[in-house]
């Protein structure tokens, strides 16, 4: 049985705030799409780590890195986020 880590990311837009839950592989898939469609820097996503990937300190560090990654993406698209990013952050459920 393989275990995996789910990262809970808090999202805030205006007066709306919610949480999204994603595995690292979801972030990787998002990143691949943004690199090919929007020419995002391929080195922007924190690297995948294999050894000790479920240690508490590594999970907390990666959580912060993934939050910075998403904040950076949102700064790159200040007016309209790409559909794939909007869907990833569940904008369609909370922002009208």
PDB file of N, CA and C in Angstrom:
ATOM      1  N   UNK A   1       0.861  -1.180   0.000  1.00  0.00           N
ATOM      2  CA  UNK A   1       0.000   0.000   0.000  1.00  0.00           C
ATOM      3  C   UNK A   1       0.903   1.237   0.000  1.00  0.00           C
ATOM      4  N   UNK A   2       0.714   2.080  -0.988  1.00  0.00           N
ATOM      5  CA  UNK A   2       1.522   3.297  -1.018  1.00  0.00           C
ATOM      6  C   UNK A   2       0.735   4.424  -0.361  1.00  0.00           C
ATOM      7  N   UNK A   3       1.466   5.271   0.337  1.00  0.00           N
ATOM      8  CA  UNK A   3       0.810   6.416   0.961  1.00  0.00           C
ATOM      9  C   UNK A   3       1.198   7.663   0.192  1.00  0.00           C
ATOM     10  N   UNK A   4       0.362   8.655   0.279  1.00  0.00           N
ATOM     11  CA  UNK A   4       0.664   9.919  -0.386  1.00  0.00           C
ATOM     12  C   UNK A   4       0.184  11.051   0.493  1.00  0.00           C
ATOM     13  N   UNK A   5       0.784  12.195   0.265  1.00  0.00           N
ATOM     14  CA  UNK A   5       0.483  13.388   1.050  1.00  0.00           C
ATOM     15  C   UNK A   5      -0.516  14.255   0.286  1.00  0.00           C
ATOM     16  N   UNK A   6      -1.509  14.756   0.986  1.00  0.00           N
ATOM     17  CA  UNK A   6      -2.448  15.710   0.416  1.00  0.00           C
ATOM     18  C   UNK A   6      -2.155  17.064   1.058  1.00  0.00           C
ATOM     19  N   UNK A   7      -1.984  18.075   0.208  1.00  0.00           N
ATOM     20  CA  UNK A   7      -1.696  19.420   0.692  1.00  0.00           C
ATOM     21  C   UNK A   7      -2.981  20.230   0.693  1.00  0.00           C
ATOM     22  N   UNK A   8      -3.245  20.914   1.798  1.00  0.00           N
ATOM     23  CA  UNK A   8      -4.435  21.751   1.927  1.00  0.00           C
ATOM     24  C   UNK A   8      -3.988  23.196   1.778  1.00  0.00           C
ATOM     25  N   UNK A   9      -4.499  23.854   0.748  1.00  0.00           N
ATOM     26  CA  UNK A   9      -4.103  25.214   0.429  1.00  0.00           C
ATOM     27  C   UNK A   9      -5.289  26.144   0.660  1.00  0.00           C
ATOM     28  N   UNK A  10      -5.073  27.204   1.435  1.00  0.00           N
ATOM     29  CA  UNK A  10      -6.100  28.216   1.662  1.00  0.00           C
ATOM     30  C   UNK A  10      -6.084  29.208   0.495  1.00  0.00           C
ATOM     31  N   UNK A  11      -7.246  29.472  -0.060  1.00  0.00           N
ATOM     32  CA  UNK A  11      -7.380  30.409  -1.176  1.00  0.00           C
ATOM     33  C   UNK A  11      -8.250  31.568  -0.716  1.00  0.00           C
ATOM     34  N   UNK A  12      -7.821  32.792  -1.022  1.00  0.00           N
ATOM     35  CA  UNK A  12      -8.608  33.982  -0.688  1.00  0.00           C
ATOM     36  C   UNK A  12      -8.743  34.862  -1.915  1.00  0.00           C
ATOM     37  N   UNK A  13      -9.972  35.210  -2.232  1.00  0.00           N
ATOM     38  CA  UNK A  13     -10.242  36.141  -3.328  1.00  0.00           C
ATOM     39  C   UNK A  13     -11.322  37.091  -2.833  1.00  0.00           C
ATOM     40  N   UNK A  14     -10.974  38.366  -2.692  1.00  0.00           N
ATOM     41  CA  UNK A  14     -11.934  39.326  -2.161  1.00  0.00           C
ATOM     42  C   UNK A  14     -12.385  38.898  -0.778  1.00  0.00           C
ATOM     43  N   UNK A  15     -13.691  38.804  -0.591  1.00  0.00           N
ATOM     44  CA  UNK A  15     -14.233  38.386   0.700  1.00  0.00           C
ATOM     45  C   UNK A  15     -14.396  36.878   0.818  1.00  0.00           C
ATOM     46  N   UNK A  16     -14.071  36.155  -0.239  1.00  0.00           N
ATOM     47  CA  UNK A  16     -14.236  34.701  -0.252  1.00  0.00           C
ATOM     48  C   UNK A  16     -12.950  34.014   0.193  1.00  0.00           C
ATOM     49  N   UNK A  17     -13.099  32.973   1.000  1.00  0.00           N
ATOM     50  CA  UNK A  17     -11.954  32.180   1.412  1.00  0.00           C
ATOM     51  C   UNK A  17     -12.379  30.716   1.460  1.00  0.00           C
ATOM     52  N   UNK A  18     -11.529  29.838   0.953  1.00  0.00           N
ATOM     53  CA  UNK A  18     -11.834  28.417   0.953  1.00  0.00           C
ATOM     54  C   UNK A  18     -10.536  27.631   0.900  1.00  0.00           C
ATOM     55  N   UNK A  19     -10.640  26.322   1.050  1.00  0.00           N
ATOM     56  CA  UNK A  19      -9.468  25.451   1.007  1.00  0.00           C
ATOM     57  C   UNK A  19      -9.598  24.478  -0.158  1.00  0.00           C
ATOM     58  N   UNK A  20      -8.479  24.210  -0.804  1.00  0.00           N
ATOM     59  CA  UNK A  20      -8.434  23.176  -1.837  1.00  0.00           C
ATOM     60  C   UNK A  20      -7.425  22.128  -1.379  1.00  0.00           C
ATOM     61  N   UNK A  21      -7.667  20.889  -1.760  1.00  0.00           N
ATOM     62  CA  UNK A  21      -6.794  19.785  -1.375  1.00  0.00           C
ATOM     63  C   UNK A  21      -6.262  19.122  -2.642  1.00  0.00           C
ATOM     64  N   UNK A  22      -4.938  19.022  -2.706  1.00  0.00           N
ATOM     65  CA  UNK A  22      -4.309  18.409  -3.880  1.00  0.00           C
ATOM     66  C   UNK A  22      -3.066  17.628  -3.474  1.00  0.00           C
ATOM     67  N   UNK A  23      -2.807  16.566  -4.218  1.00  0.00           N
ATOM     68  CA  UNK A  23      -1.559  15.831  -4.089  1.00  0.00           C
ATOM     69  C   UNK A  23      -0.490  16.563  -4.883  1.00  0.00           C
ATOM     70  N   UNK A  24       0.775  16.245  -4.607  1.00  0.00           N
ATOM     71  CA  UNK A  24       1.859  16.864  -5.363  1.00  0.00           C
ATOM     72  C   UNK A  24       1.687  16.576  -6.850  1.00  0.00           C
ATOM     73  N   UNK A  25       1.243  15.383  -7.191  1.00  0.00           N
ATOM     74  CA  UNK A  25       1.074  15.019  -8.604  1.00  0.00           C
ATOM     75  C   UNK A  25       0.063  15.931  -9.301  1.00  0.00           C
ATOM     76  N   UNK A  26      -0.941  16.432  -8.557  1.00  0.00           N
ATOM     77  CA  UNK A  26      -1.902  17.383  -9.129  1.00  0.00           C
ATOM     78  C   UNK A  26      -1.208  18.695  -9.475  1.00  0.00           C
ATOM     79  N   UNK A  27      -0.324  19.135  -8.569  1.00  0.00           N
ATOM     80  CA  UNK A  27       0.453  20.350  -8.838  1.00  0.00           C
ATOM     81  C   UNK A  27       1.342  20.146 -10.060  1.00  0.00           C
ATOM     82  N   UNK A  28       1.937  18.973 -10.147  1.00  0.00           N
ATOM     83  CA  UNK A  28       2.818  18.670 -11.274  1.00  0.00           C
ATOM     84  C   UNK A  28       2.036  18.706 -12.586  1.00  0.00           C
ATOM     85  N   UNK A  29       0.855  18.106 -12.594  1.00  0.00           N
ATOM     86  CA  UNK A  29       0.011  18.114 -13.798  1.00  0.00           C
ATOM     87  C   UNK A  29      -0.376  19.543 -14.186  1.00  0.00           C
ATOM     88  N   UNK A  30      -0.766  20.338 -13.202  1.00  0.00           N
ATOM     89  CA  UNK A  30      -1.100  21.738 -13.444  1.00  0.00           C
ATOM     90  C   UNK A  30       0.100  22.454 -14.054  1.00  0.00           C
ATOM     91  N   UNK A  31       1.252  22.242 -13.458  1.00  0.00           N
ATOM     92  CA  UNK A  31       2.465  22.922 -13.901  1.00  0.00           C
ATOM     93  C   UNK A  31       2.815  22.556 -15.343  1.00  0.00           C
ATOM     94  N   UNK A  32       2.710  21.278 -15.671  1.00  0.00           N
ATOM     95  CA  UNK A  32       3.011  20.835 -17.042  1.00  0.00           C
ATOM     96  C   UNK A  32       2.106  21.542 -18.052  1.00  0.00           C
ATOM     97  N   UNK A  33       0.838  21.670 -17.723  1.00  0.00           N
ATOM     98  CA  UNK A  33      -0.105  22.350 -18.622  1.00  0.00           C
ATOM     99  C   UNK A  33       0.245  23.829 -18.757  1.00  0.00           C
ATOM    100  N   UNK A  34       0.584  24.471 -17.647  1.00  0.00           N
ATOM    101  CA  UNK A  34       0.919  25.900 -17.693  1.00  0.00           C
ATOM    102  C   UNK A  34       2.234  26.152 -18.427  1.00  0.00           C
ATOM    103  N   UNK A  35       3.184  25.251 -18.282  1.00  0.00           N
ATOM    104  CA  UNK A  35       4.458  25.387 -18.998  1.00  0.00           C
ATOM    105  C   UNK A  35       4.214  25.317 -20.496  1.00  0.00           C
ATOM    106  N   UNK A  36       3.386  24.356 -20.928  1.00  0.00           N
ATOM    107  CA  UNK A  36       3.157  24.199 -22.366  1.00  0.00           C
ATOM    108  C   UNK A  36       2.203  25.248 -22.935  1.00  0.00           C
ATOM    109  N   UNK A  37       1.166  25.622 -22.175  1.00  0.00           N
ATOM    110  CA  UNK A  37       0.159  26.548 -22.707  1.00  0.00           C
ATOM    111  C   UNK A  37       0.502  28.017 -22.474  1.00  0.00           C
ATOM    112  N   UNK A  38       1.115  28.322 -21.332  1.00  0.00           N
ATOM    113  CA  UNK A  38       1.317  29.718 -20.931  1.00  0.00           C
ATOM    114  C   UNK A  38       2.788  30.092 -20.785  1.00  0.00           C
ATOM    115  N   UNK A  39       3.672  29.169 -21.139  1.00  0.00           N
ATOM    116  CA  UNK A  39       5.121  29.427 -21.105  1.00  0.00           C
ATOM    117  C   UNK A  39       5.615  29.825 -19.708  1.00  0.00           C
ATOM    118  N   UNK A  40       5.050  29.198 -18.677  1.00  0.00           N
ATOM    119  CA  UNK A  40       5.512  29.413 -17.306  1.00  0.00           C
ATOM    120  C   UNK A  40       6.903  28.805 -17.162  1.00  0.00           C
ATOM    121  N   UNK A  41       7.748  29.416 -16.358  1.00  0.00           N
ATOM    122  CA  UNK A  41       9.092  28.896 -16.090  1.00  0.00           C
ATOM    123  C   UNK A  41       8.989  27.478 -15.539  1.00  0.00           C
ATOM    124  N   UNK A  42       9.611  26.529 -16.216  1.00  0.00           N
ATOM    125  CA  UNK A  42       9.487  25.133 -15.794  1.00  0.00           C
ATOM    126  C   UNK A  42      10.134  24.863 -14.445  1.00  0.00           C
ATOM    127  N   UNK A  43      10.998  25.768 -13.974  1.00  0.00           N
ATOM    128  CA  UNK A  43      11.654  25.592 -12.678  1.00  0.00           C
ATOM    129  C   UNK A  43      10.882  26.219 -11.517  1.00  0.00           C
ATOM    130  N   UNK A  44       9.712  26.757 -11.800  1.00  0.00           N
ATOM    131  CA  UNK A  44       8.930  27.439 -10.773  1.00  0.00           C
ATOM    132  C   UNK A  44       8.371  26.471  -9.722  1.00  0.00           C
ATOM    133  N   UNK A  45       7.985  25.292 -10.155  1.00  0.00           N
ATOM    134  CA  UNK A  45       7.400  24.309  -9.230  1.00  0.00           C
ATOM    135  C   UNK A  45       8.503  23.704  -8.363  1.00  0.00           C
ATOM    136  N   UNK A  46       8.296  23.637  -7.033  1.00  0.00           N
ATOM    137  CA  UNK A  46       9.294  22.975  -6.180  1.00  0.00           C
ATOM    138  C   UNK A  46       9.508  21.534  -6.659  1.00  0.00           C
ATOM    139  N   UNK A  47      10.744  21.058  -6.604  1.00  0.00           N
ATOM    140  CA  UNK A  47      11.036  19.717  -7.128  1.00  0.00           C
ATOM    141  C   UNK A  47      10.393  18.609  -6.304  1.00  0.00           C
ATOM    142  N   UNK A  48      10.193  17.483  -6.974  1.00  0.00           N
ATOM    143  CA  UNK A  48       9.668  16.306  -6.294  1.00  0.00           C
ATOM    144  C   UNK A  48      10.812  15.678  -5.517  1.00  0.00           C
ATOM    145  N   UNK A  49      10.535  15.336  -4.280  1.00  0.00           N
ATOM    146  CA  UNK A  49      11.551  14.708  -3.441  1.00  0.00           C
ATOM    147  C   UNK A  49      11.089  13.294  -3.105  1.00  0.00           C
ATOM    148  N   UNK A  50      12.000  12.368  -3.134  1.00  0.00           N
ATOM    149  CA  UNK A  50      11.641  10.972  -2.888  1.00  0.00           C
ATOM    150  C   UNK A  50      11.966  10.557  -1.454  1.00  0.00           C
ATOM    151  N   UNK A  51      13.182  10.828  -1.008  1.00  0.00           N
ATOM    152  CA  UNK A  51      13.632  10.365   0.302  1.00  0.00           C
ATOM    153  C   UNK A  51      12.969  11.185   1.410  1.00  0.00           C
ATOM    154  N   UNK A  52      12.355  10.489   2.346  1.00  0.00           N
ATOM    155  CA  UNK A  52      11.734  11.152   3.490  1.00  0.00           C
ATOM    156  C   UNK A  52      10.563  12.032   3.108  1.00  0.00           C
ATOM    157  N   UNK A  53       9.886  11.682   2.012  1.00  0.00           N
ATOM    158  CA  UNK A  53       8.852  12.574   1.494  1.00  0.00           C
ATOM    159  C   UNK A  53       7.676  12.781   2.435  1.00  0.00           C
ATOM    160  N   UNK A  54       7.491  11.887   3.378  1.00  0.00           N
ATOM    161  CA  UNK A  54       6.368  12.046   4.297  1.00  0.00           C
ATOM    162  C   UNK A  54       6.796  12.519   5.684  1.00  0.00           C
ATOM    163  N   UNK A  55       8.059  12.918   5.843  1.00  0.00           N
ATOM    164  CA  UNK A  55       8.479  13.442   7.146  1.00  0.00           C
ATOM    165  C   UNK A  55       7.750  14.764   7.388  1.00  0.00           C
ATOM    166  N   UNK A  56       7.428  15.003   8.644  1.00  0.00           N
ATOM    167  CA  UNK A  56       6.632  16.184   8.976  1.00  0.00           C
ATOM    168  C   UNK A  56       7.301  17.481   8.521  1.00  0.00           C
ATOM    169  N   UNK A  57       8.613  17.586   8.728  1.00  0.00           N
ATOM    170  CA  UNK A  57       9.304  18.824   8.361  1.00  0.00           C
ATOM    171  C   UNK A  57       9.297  19.028   6.838  1.00  0.00           C
ATOM    172  N   UNK A  58       9.468  17.949   6.081  1.00  0.00           N
ATOM    173  CA  UNK A  58       9.456  18.078   4.626  1.00  0.00           C
ATOM    174  C   UNK A  58       8.061  18.437   4.122  1.00  0.00           C
ATOM    175  N   UNK A  59       7.041  17.823   4.704  1.00  0.00           N
ATOM    176  CA  UNK A  59       5.657  18.121   4.321  1.00  0.00           C
ATOM    177  C   UNK A  59       5.348  19.591   4.583  1.00  0.00           C
ATOM    178  N   UNK A  60       5.751  20.101   5.747  1.00  0.00           N
ATOM    179  CA  UNK A  60       5.498  21.511   6.063  1.00  0.00           C
ATOM    180  C   UNK A  60       6.263  22.437   5.131  1.00  0.00           C
ATOM    181  N   UNK A  61       7.503  22.087   4.824  1.00  0.00           N
ATOM    182  CA  UNK A  61       8.314  22.903   3.919  1.00  0.00           C
ATOM    183  C   UNK A  61       7.687  22.922   2.525  1.00  0.00           C
ATOM    184  N   UNK A  62       7.297  21.745   2.046  1.00  0.00           N
ATOM    185  CA  UNK A  62       6.699  21.682   0.711  1.00  0.00           C
ATOM    186  C   UNK A  62       5.368  22.421   0.678  1.00  0.00           C
ATOM    187  N   UNK A  63       4.589  22.335   1.734  1.00  0.00           N
ATOM    188  CA  UNK A  63       3.317  23.052   1.812  1.00  0.00           C
ATOM    189  C   UNK A  63       3.559  24.543   1.566  1.00  0.00           C
ATOM    190  N   UNK A  64       4.549  25.106   2.259  1.00  0.00           N
ATOM    191  CA  UNK A  64       4.874  26.524   2.096  1.00  0.00           C
ATOM    192  C   UNK A  64       5.359  26.815   0.673  1.00  0.00           C
ATOM    193  N   UNK A  65       6.189  25.931   0.132  1.00  0.00           N
ATOM    194  CA  UNK A  65       6.692  26.122  -1.236  1.00  0.00           C
ATOM    195  C   UNK A  65       5.560  26.088  -2.262  1.00  0.00           C
ATOM    196  N   UNK A  66       4.607  25.202  -2.053  1.00  0.00           N
ATOM    197  CA  UNK A  66       3.477  25.111  -2.983  1.00  0.00           C
ATOM    198  C   UNK A  66       2.570  26.333  -2.867  1.00  0.00           C
ATOM    199  N   UNK A  67       2.419  26.867  -1.666  1.00  0.00           N
ATOM    200  CA  UNK A  67       1.636  28.098  -1.504  1.00  0.00           C
ATOM    201  C   UNK A  67       2.312  29.255  -2.227  1.00  0.00           C
ATOM    202  N   UNK A  68       3.637  29.364  -2.092  1.00  0.00           N
ATOM    203  CA  UNK A  68       4.385  30.406  -2.797  1.00  0.00           C
ATOM    204  C   UNK A  68       4.258  30.214  -4.312  1.00  0.00           C
ATOM    205  N   UNK A  69       4.312  28.966  -4.752  1.00  0.00           N
ATOM    206  CA  UNK A  69       4.148  28.654  -6.172  1.00  0.00           C
ATOM    207  C   UNK A  69       2.806  29.193  -6.691  1.00  0.00           C
ATOM    208  N   UNK A  70       1.736  28.910  -5.971  1.00  0.00           N
ATOM    209  CA  UNK A  70       0.406  29.369  -6.402  1.00  0.00           C
ATOM    210  C   UNK A  70       0.303  30.888  -6.350  1.00  0.00           C
ATOM    211  N   UNK A  71       0.860  31.501  -5.307  1.00  0.00           N
ATOM    212  CA  UNK A  71       0.831  32.964  -5.217  1.00  0.00           C
ATOM    213  C   UNK A  71       1.580  33.585  -6.397  1.00  0.00           C
ATOM    214  N   UNK A  72       2.702  32.981  -6.760  1.00  0.00           N
ATOM    215  CA  UNK A  72       3.488  33.469  -7.896  1.00  0.00           C
ATOM    216  C   UNK A  72       2.681  33.359  -9.186  1.00  0.00           C
ATOM    217  N   UNK A  73       1.985  32.243  -9.352  1.00  0.00           N
ATOM    218  CA  UNK A  73       1.149  32.072 -10.554  1.00  0.00           C
ATOM    219  C   UNK A  73       0.070  33.146 -10.612  1.00  0.00           C
ATOM    220  N   UNK A  74      -0.571  33.402  -9.487  1.00  0.00           N
ATOM    221  CA  UNK A  74      -1.641  34.396  -9.469  1.00  0.00           C
ATOM    222  C   UNK A  74      -1.102  35.796  -9.760  1.00  0.00           C
ATOM    223  N   UNK A  75       0.119  36.081  -9.345  1.00  0.00           N
ATOM    224  CA  UNK A  75       0.737  37.379  -9.664  1.00  0.00           C
ATOM    225  C   UNK A  75       1.042  37.489 -11.160  1.00  0.00           C
ATOM    226  N   UNK A  76       1.338  36.351 -11.791  1.00  0.00           N
ATOM    227  CA  UNK A  76       1.629  36.355 -13.228  1.00  0.00           C
ATOM    228  C   UNK A  76       0.364  36.593 -14.063  1.00  0.00           C
ATOM    229  N   UNK A  77      -0.783  36.281 -13.484  1.00  0.00           N
ATOM    230  CA  UNK A  77      -2.061  36.442 -14.183  1.00  0.00           C
ATOM    231  C   UNK A  77      -2.993  37.307 -13.332  1.00  0.00           C
ATOM    232  N   UNK A  78      -2.682  38.610 -13.186  1.00  0.00           N
ATOM    233  CA  UNK A  78      -3.433  39.451 -12.249  1.00  0.00           C
ATOM    234  C   UNK A  78      -4.887  39.711 -12.643  1.00  0.00           C
ATOM    235  N   UNK A  79      -5.191  39.661 -13.924  1.00  0.00           N
ATOM    236  CA  UNK A  79      -6.551  39.974 -14.356  1.00  0.00           C
ATOM    237  C   UNK A  79      -7.396  38.712 -14.467  1.00  0.00           C
ATOM    238  N   UNK A  80      -6.932  37.772 -15.255  1.00  0.00           N
ATOM    239  CA  UNK A  80      -7.679  36.533 -15.467  1.00  0.00           C
ATOM    240  C   UNK A  80      -6.737  35.341 -15.399  1.00  0.00           C
ATOM    241  N   UNK A  81      -6.987  34.459 -14.465  1.00  0.00           N
ATOM    242  CA  UNK A  81      -6.172  33.246 -14.359  1.00  0.00           C
ATOM    243  C   UNK A  81      -6.539  32.296 -15.495  1.00  0.00           C
ATOM    244  N   UNK A  82      -5.568  31.543 -16.004  1.00  0.00           N
ATOM    245  CA  UNK A  82      -5.883  30.541 -17.029  1.00  0.00           C
ATOM    246  C   UNK A  82      -6.913  29.546 -16.496  1.00  0.00           C
ATOM    247  N   UNK A  83      -7.720  29.009 -17.396  1.00  0.00           N
ATOM    248  CA  UNK A  83      -8.790  28.079 -16.999  1.00  0.00           C
ATOM    249  C   UNK A  83      -8.282  26.936 -16.131  1.00  0.00           C
ATOM    250  N   UNK A  84      -7.138  26.367 -16.510  1.00  0.00           N
ATOM    251  CA  UNK A  84      -6.609  25.221 -15.779  1.00  0.00           C
ATOM    252  C   UNK A  84      -6.257  25.608 -14.342  1.00  0.00           C
ATOM    253  N   UNK A  85      -5.755  26.828 -14.138  1.00  0.00           N
ATOM    254  CA  UNK A  85      -5.433  27.311 -12.795  1.00  0.00           C
ATOM    255  C   UNK A  85      -6.712  27.636 -12.017  1.00  0.00           C
ATOM    256  N   UNK A  86      -7.655  28.277 -12.661  1.00  0.00           N
ATOM    257  CA  UNK A  86      -8.939  28.592 -12.018  1.00  0.00           C
ATOM    258  C   UNK A  86      -9.634  27.325 -11.543  1.00  0.00           C
ATOM    259  N   UNK A  87      -9.626  26.308 -12.392  1.00  0.00           N
ATOM    260  CA  UNK A  87     -10.257  25.039 -12.032  1.00  0.00           C
ATOM    261  C   UNK A  87      -9.521  24.388 -10.855  1.00  0.00           C
ATOM    262  N   UNK A  88      -8.191  24.412 -10.903  1.00  0.00           N
ATOM    263  CA  UNK A  88      -7.362  23.838  -9.848  1.00  0.00           C
ATOM    264  C   UNK A  88      -7.678  24.474  -8.494  1.00  0.00           C
ATOM    265  N   UNK A  89      -7.911  25.782  -8.507  1.00  0.00           N
ATOM    266  CA  UNK A  89      -8.202  26.520  -7.277  1.00  0.00           C
ATOM    267  C   UNK A  89      -9.696  26.582  -6.953  1.00  0.00           C
ATOM    268  N   UNK A  90     -10.510  25.923  -7.771  1.00  0.00           N
ATOM    269  CA  UNK A  90     -11.969  25.842  -7.559  1.00  0.00           C
ATOM    270  C   UNK A  90     -12.652  27.206  -7.613  1.00  0.00           C
ATOM    271  N   UNK A  91     -12.102  28.138  -8.408  1.00  0.00           N
ATOM    272  CA  UNK A  91     -12.740  29.451  -8.540  1.00  0.00           C
ATOM    273  C   UNK A  91     -14.194  29.329  -8.965  1.00  0.00           C
ATOM    274  N   UNK A  92     -14.489  28.372  -9.826  1.00  0.00           N
ATOM    275  CA  UNK A  92     -15.837  28.216 -10.365  1.00  0.00           C
ATOM    276  C   UNK A  92     -16.873  27.908  -9.279  1.00  0.00           C
ATOM    277  N   UNK A  93     -16.417  27.438  -8.136  1.00  0.00           N
ATOM    278  CA  UNK A  93     -17.348  27.111  -7.047  1.00  0.00           C
ATOM    279  C   UNK A  93     -17.588  28.295  -6.111  1.00  0.00           C
ATOM    280  N   UNK A  94     -16.658  29.252  -6.096  1.00  0.00           N
ATOM    281  CA  UNK A  94     -16.722  30.297  -5.076  1.00  0.00           C
ATOM    282  C   UNK A  94     -16.789  31.718  -5.590  1.00  0.00           C
ATOM    283  N   UNK A  95     -16.332  31.968  -6.796  1.00  0.00           N
ATOM    284  CA  UNK A  95     -16.282  33.337  -7.300  1.00  0.00           C
ATOM    285  C   UNK A  95     -17.192  33.440  -8.510  1.00  0.00           C
ATOM    286  N   UNK A  96     -18.091  34.406  -8.469  1.00  0.00           N
ATOM    287  CA  UNK A  96     -19.002  34.554  -9.618  1.00  0.00           C
ATOM    288  C   UNK A  96     -18.685  35.807 -10.393  1.00  0.00           C
TER     289      UNK A  96
END
